[in-house]
C-alpha atoms as a PDB file:
ATOM      1  CA  MET A   1       0.017   0.032   0.168  1.00  0.00           C
ATOM      2  CA  ALA A   2       2.703   2.354   0.822  1.00  0.00           C
ATOM      3  CA  MET A   3       4.492   2.136  -2.402  1.00  0.00           C
ATOM      4  CA  ALA A   4       0.916   2.957  -4.152  1.00  0.00           C
ATOM      5  CA  LEU A   5       0.671   6.284  -2.194  1.00  0.00           C
ATOM      6  CA  PRO A   6       1.995   9.562  -3.240  1.00  0.00           C
ATOM      7  CA  PHE A   7       3.691  10.147   0.011  1.00  0.00           C
ATOM      8  CA  ARG A   8       7.025   9.348   1.426  1.00  0.00           C
ATOM      9  CA  PHE A   9       7.191   6.900   4.334  1.00  0.00           C
ATOM     10  CA  HIS A  10       9.950   5.744   6.656  1.00  0.00           C
ATOM     11  CA  GLN A  11       9.799   2.223   5.114  1.00  0.00           C
ATOM     12  CA  GLU A  12      12.334   0.081   7.688  1.00  0.00           C
ATOM     13  CA  GLN A  13      10.100   1.648  10.795  1.00  0.00           C
ATOM     14  CA  LEU A  14       6.783   1.123   8.913  1.00  0.00           C
ATOM     15  CA  VAL A  15       7.737  -2.563   8.153  1.00  0.00           C
ATOM     16  CA  ARG A  16       9.003  -3.140  11.725  1.00  0.00           C
ATOM     17  CA  GLY A  17       5.880  -1.444  13.176  1.00  0.00           C
ATOM     18  CA  ALA A  18       3.571  -3.307  10.775  1.00  0.00           C
ATOM     19  CA  LEU A  19       5.442  -6.547  11.765  1.00  0.00           C
ATOM     20  CA  LEU A  20       4.949  -5.914  15.723  1.00  0.00           C
ATOM     21  CA  HIS A  21       1.528  -4.313  15.887  1.00  0.00           C
ATOM     22  CA  ASP A  22       0.118  -7.579  16.678  1.00  0.00           C
ATOM     23  CA  TYR A  23       2.763  -9.093  18.900  1.00  0.00           C
ATOM     24  CA  PHE A  24       0.650  -9.816  21.975  1.00  0.00           C
ATOM     25  CA  LEU A  25       1.646 -13.290  22.150  1.00  0.00           C
ATOM     26  CA  TYR A  26      -1.691 -14.928  23.553  1.00  0.00           C
ATOM     27  CA  ASP A  27      -4.361 -16.699  21.842  1.00  0.00           C
ATOM     28  CA  TRP A  28      -7.230 -14.233  22.225  1.00  0.00           C
ATOM     29  CA  HIS A  29      -9.829 -16.680  21.467  1.00  0.00           C
ATOM     30  CA  VAL A  30      -9.223 -18.586  24.501  1.00  0.00           C
ATOM     31  CA  ASN A  31      -9.114 -17.716  28.153  1.00  0.00           C
ATOM     32  CA  ARG A  32      -9.982 -14.031  27.632  1.00  0.00           C
ATOM     33  CA  PRO A  33     -13.125 -13.488  29.711  1.00  0.00           C
ATOM     34  CA  GLU A  34     -12.986  -9.773  29.839  1.00  0.00           C
ATOM     35  CA  LYS A  35     -13.434  -9.748  25.894  1.00  0.00           C
ATOM     36  CA  LEU A  36     -11.654  -6.381  25.577  1.00  0.00           C
ATOM     37  CA  HIS A  37      -8.778  -7.848  23.347  1.00  0.00           C
ATOM     38  CA  GLY A  38      -9.588  -4.973  20.784  1.00  0.00           C
ATOM     39  CA  PHE A  39      -8.664  -2.618  23.459  1.00  0.00           C
ATOM     40  CA  SER A  40      -6.185  -3.996  25.235  1.00  0.00           C
ATOM     41  CA  HIS A  41      -3.685  -5.922  22.696  1.00  0.00           C
ATOM     42  CA  PRO A  42      -1.976  -2.839  21.335  1.00  0.00           C
ATOM     43  CA  PHE A  43      -0.357  -2.324  24.778  1.00  0.00           C
ATOM     44  CA  ALA A  44       0.429  -6.073  25.434  1.00  0.00           C
ATOM     45  CA  ALA A  45       1.935  -5.965  21.681  1.00  0.00           C
ATOM     46  CA  LEU A  46       4.142  -2.809  22.737  1.00  0.00           C
ATOM     47  CA  GLU A  47       5.276  -4.327  25.926  1.00  0.00           C
ATOM     48  CA  ASN A  48       6.391  -7.291  24.375  1.00  0.00           C
ATOM     49  CA  ALA A  49       8.037  -5.326  21.312  1.00  0.00           C
ATOM     50  CA  LYS A  50       9.826  -3.396  23.951  1.00  0.00           C
ATOM     51  CA  ARG A  51      10.881  -6.333  25.991  1.00  0.00           C
ATOM     52  CA  ASP A  52      12.312  -8.313  22.798  1.00  0.00           C
ATOM     53  CA  PHE A  53      13.485  -5.312  20.984  1.00  0.00           C
ATOM     54  CA  SER A  54      15.235  -2.760  22.483  1.00  0.00           C
ATOM     55  CA  ASP A  55      15.418  -0.325  19.963  1.00  0.00           C
ATOM     56  CA  ILE A  56      11.765   0.474  19.310  1.00  0.00           C
ATOM     57  CA  THR A  57      11.514   4.048  17.897  1.00  0.00           C
ATOM     58  CA  PRO A  58       8.832   6.435  18.752  1.00  0.00           C
ATOM     59  CA  LEU A  59       7.459   6.096  15.461  1.00  0.00           C
ATOM     60  CA  GLU A  60       7.161   2.201  15.566  1.00  0.00           C
ATOM     61  CA  GLU A  61       5.844   2.591  19.195  1.00  0.00           C
ATOM     62  CA  ASN A  62       3.034   4.937  17.615  1.00  0.00           C
ATOM     63  CA  ILE A  63       2.387   2.288  14.897  1.00  0.00           C
ATOM     64  CA  ILE A  64       1.728  -0.671  17.836  1.00  0.00           C
ATOM     65  CA  LYS A  65      -0.062   1.298  20.123  1.00  0.00           C
ATOM     66  CA  ARG A  66      -2.391   3.148  17.705  1.00  0.00           C
ATOM     67  CA  HIS A  67      -3.343   0.835  15.064  1.00  0.00           C
ATOM     68  CA  MET A  68      -6.706   0.060  16.693  1.00  0.00           C
ATOM     69  CA  PHE A  69      -8.026   3.728  16.287  1.00  0.00           C
ATOM     70  CA  PRO A  70     -10.775   4.535  16.939  1.00  0.00           C
ATOM     71  CA  LEU A  71     -11.024   1.917  19.418  1.00  0.00           C
ATOM     72  CA  THR A  72      -7.879   3.439  21.198  1.00  0.00           C
ATOM     73  CA  PRO A  73      -9.454   6.975  21.519  1.00  0.00           C
ATOM     74  CA  VAL A  74      -5.874   8.892  20.633  1.00  0.00           C
ATOM     75  CA  PRO A  75      -5.469   8.793  16.843  1.00  0.00           C
ATOM     76  CA  PRO A  76      -2.358   7.864  15.143  1.00  0.00           C
ATOM     77  CA  ARG A  77       0.495  10.637  15.185  1.00  0.00           C
ATOM     78  CA  TYR A  78       2.155   9.542  12.065  1.00  0.00           C
ATOM     79  CA  ARG A  79       1.021   8.667   8.470  1.00  0.00           C
ATOM     80  CA  GLU A  80       3.171   5.404   8.916  1.00  0.00           C
ATOM     81  CA  SER A  81       0.636   4.634  11.753  1.00  0.00           C
ATOM     82  CA  LEU A  82      -2.521   5.576  10.053  1.00  0.00           C
ATOM     83  CA  LEU A  83      -1.150   3.439   7.048  1.00  0.00           C
ATOM     84  CA  VAL A  84      -0.749   0.212   9.284  1.00  0.00           C
ATOM     85  CA  SER A  85      -4.224   1.258  11.095  1.00  0.00           C
ATOM     86  CA  LEU A  86      -5.941   1.156   7.703  1.00  0.00           C
ATOM     87  CA  ALA A  87      -4.273  -1.778   6.375  1.00  0.00           C
ATOM     88  CA  ASP A  88      -5.238  -3.754   9.630  1.00  0.00           C
ATOM     89  CA  LYS A  89      -8.916  -2.636   8.888  1.00  0.00           C
ATOM     90  CA  TYR A  90      -8.737  -3.632   5.296  1.00  0.00           C
ATOM     91  CA  CYS A  91      -7.389  -7.288   6.466  1.00  0.00           C
ATOM     92  CA  ALA A  92      -9.864  -7.613   9.212  1.00  0.00           C
ATOM     93  CA  THR A  93     -12.808  -6.860   6.817  1.00  0.00           C
ATOM     94  CA  LYS A  94     -11.469  -9.234   4.025  1.00  0.00           C
ATOM     95  CA  GLU A  95     -11.330 -11.997   6.549  1.00  0.00           C
ATOM     96  CA  VAL A  96     -14.927 -11.361   7.483  1.00  0.00           C
ATOM     97  CA  PHE A  97     -15.948 -11.622   3.856  1.00  0.00           C
ATOM     98  CA  VAL A  98     -14.069 -15.029   3.410  1.00  0.00           C
ATOM     99  CA  ALA A  99     -15.694 -16.236   6.688  1.00  0.00           C
ATOM    100  CA  ILE A 100     -19.173 -15.181   5.038  1.00  0.00           C
ATOM    101  CA  ARG A 101     -18.317 -16.806   1.796  1.00  0.00           C
ATOM    102  CA  ASN A 102     -17.367 -20.054   3.642  1.00  0.00           C
ATOM    103  CA  LYS A 103     -20.405 -20.198   5.601  1.00  0.00           C
ATOM    104  CA  ILE A 104     -22.880 -19.297   2.762  1.00  0.00           C
ATOM    105  CA  GLY A 105     -21.042 -20.929  -0.144  1.00  0.00           C
ATOM    106  CA  ALA A 106     -19.067 -19.642  -2.598  1.00  0.00           C
ATOM    107  CA  THR A 107     -21.395 -20.036  -5.544  1.00  0.00           C
ATOM    108  CA  SER A 108     -23.642 -17.211  -4.224  1.00  0.00           C
ATOM    109  CA  PHE A 109     -20.615 -15.012  -3.266  1.00  0.00           C
ATOM    110  CA  PRO A 110     -18.537 -14.104  -6.334  1.00  0.00           C
ATOM    111  CA  ARG A 111     -19.853 -10.935  -7.279  1.00  0.00           C
ATOM    112  CA  TYR A 112     -19.810  -9.731  -3.913  1.00  0.00           C
ATOM    113  CA  SER A 113     -16.299 -10.711  -3.480  1.00  0.00           C
ATOM    114  CA  ARG A 114     -15.225  -9.307  -6.694  1.00  0.00           C
ATOM    115  CA  ALA A 115     -16.718  -5.877  -5.858  1.00  0.00           C
ATOM    116  CA  PHE A 116     -15.098  -6.269  -2.321  1.00  0.00           C
ATOM    117  CA  ALA A 117     -11.531  -6.705  -4.235  1.00  0.00           C
ATOM    118  CA  ARG A 118     -12.355  -4.021  -6.484  1.00  0.00           C
ATOM    119  CA  VAL A 119     -13.478  -0.882  -4.383  1.00  0.00           C
ATOM    120  CA  LEU A 120     -12.051  -1.302  -0.730  1.00  0.00           C
ATOM    121  CA  PRO A 121      -8.331  -0.878  -1.524  1.00  0.00           C
ATOM    122  CA  HIS A 122      -9.271   2.536  -3.473  1.00  0.00           C
ATOM    123  CA  THR A 123     -11.717   3.345  -0.455  1.00  0.00           C
ATOM    124  CA  LEU A 124      -8.748   3.018   2.029  1.00  0.00           C
ATOM    125  CA  ALA A 125      -6.359   4.927  -0.203  1.00  0.00           C
ATOM    126  CA  TYR A 126      -8.743   7.760  -0.609  1.00  0.00           C
ATOM    127  CA  LEU A 127      -9.664   7.841   3.355  1.00  0.00           C
ATOM    128  CA  PHE A 128      -5.600   7.902   3.924  1.00  0.00           C
ATOM    129  CA  ALA A 129      -5.161  10.753   1.547  1.00  0.00           C
ATOM    130  CA  MET A 130      -7.856  12.802   3.019  1.00  0.00           C
ATOM    131  CA  THR A 131      -6.978  12.174   6.566  1.00  0.00           C
ATOM    132  CA  ILE A 132      -3.451  13.144   5.849  1.00  0.00           C
ATOM    133  CA  ALA A 133      -4.496  16.428   3.950  1.00  0.00           C
ATOM    134  CA  PHE A 134      -6.508  17.407   6.846  1.00  0.00           C
ATOM    135  CA  LEU A 135      -4.736  16.730   9.897  1.00  0.00           C
ATOM    136  CA  PRO A 136      -1.443  18.252  10.862  1.00  0.00           C
ATOM    137  CA  TRP A 137       0.583  15.028  11.204  1.00  0.00           C
ATOM    138  CA  THR A 138       4.102  14.848  10.713  1.00  0.00           C
END
């Protein structure tokens, strides 16, 4: 996604933050009675990342901590953080579509799947560009 957008990114930090944003190291489907995984896992991921990788930069920290915006009420500070957040939402939405397709059967789902594949990446790119244009992020 980053290469398709007309913005400059800190590539190495973007990749490290993206790889570590879900580094929470537990199965949230099991033994999580509070059901608040969406709110709490960015902080668990950051704690694990800082423990295992001592050189986490502020940008990488922001990517990890803010990728669940708007569930985490503070918005991402950097465009890299916003990009990871949007990419995470894209992947989650795609996973839901695949689960629905598997549930109702692939024969009745193809046109929705094709429409999703065509529209969502452009929608996310547009949202990213509009957010960058109107918010004073670095």
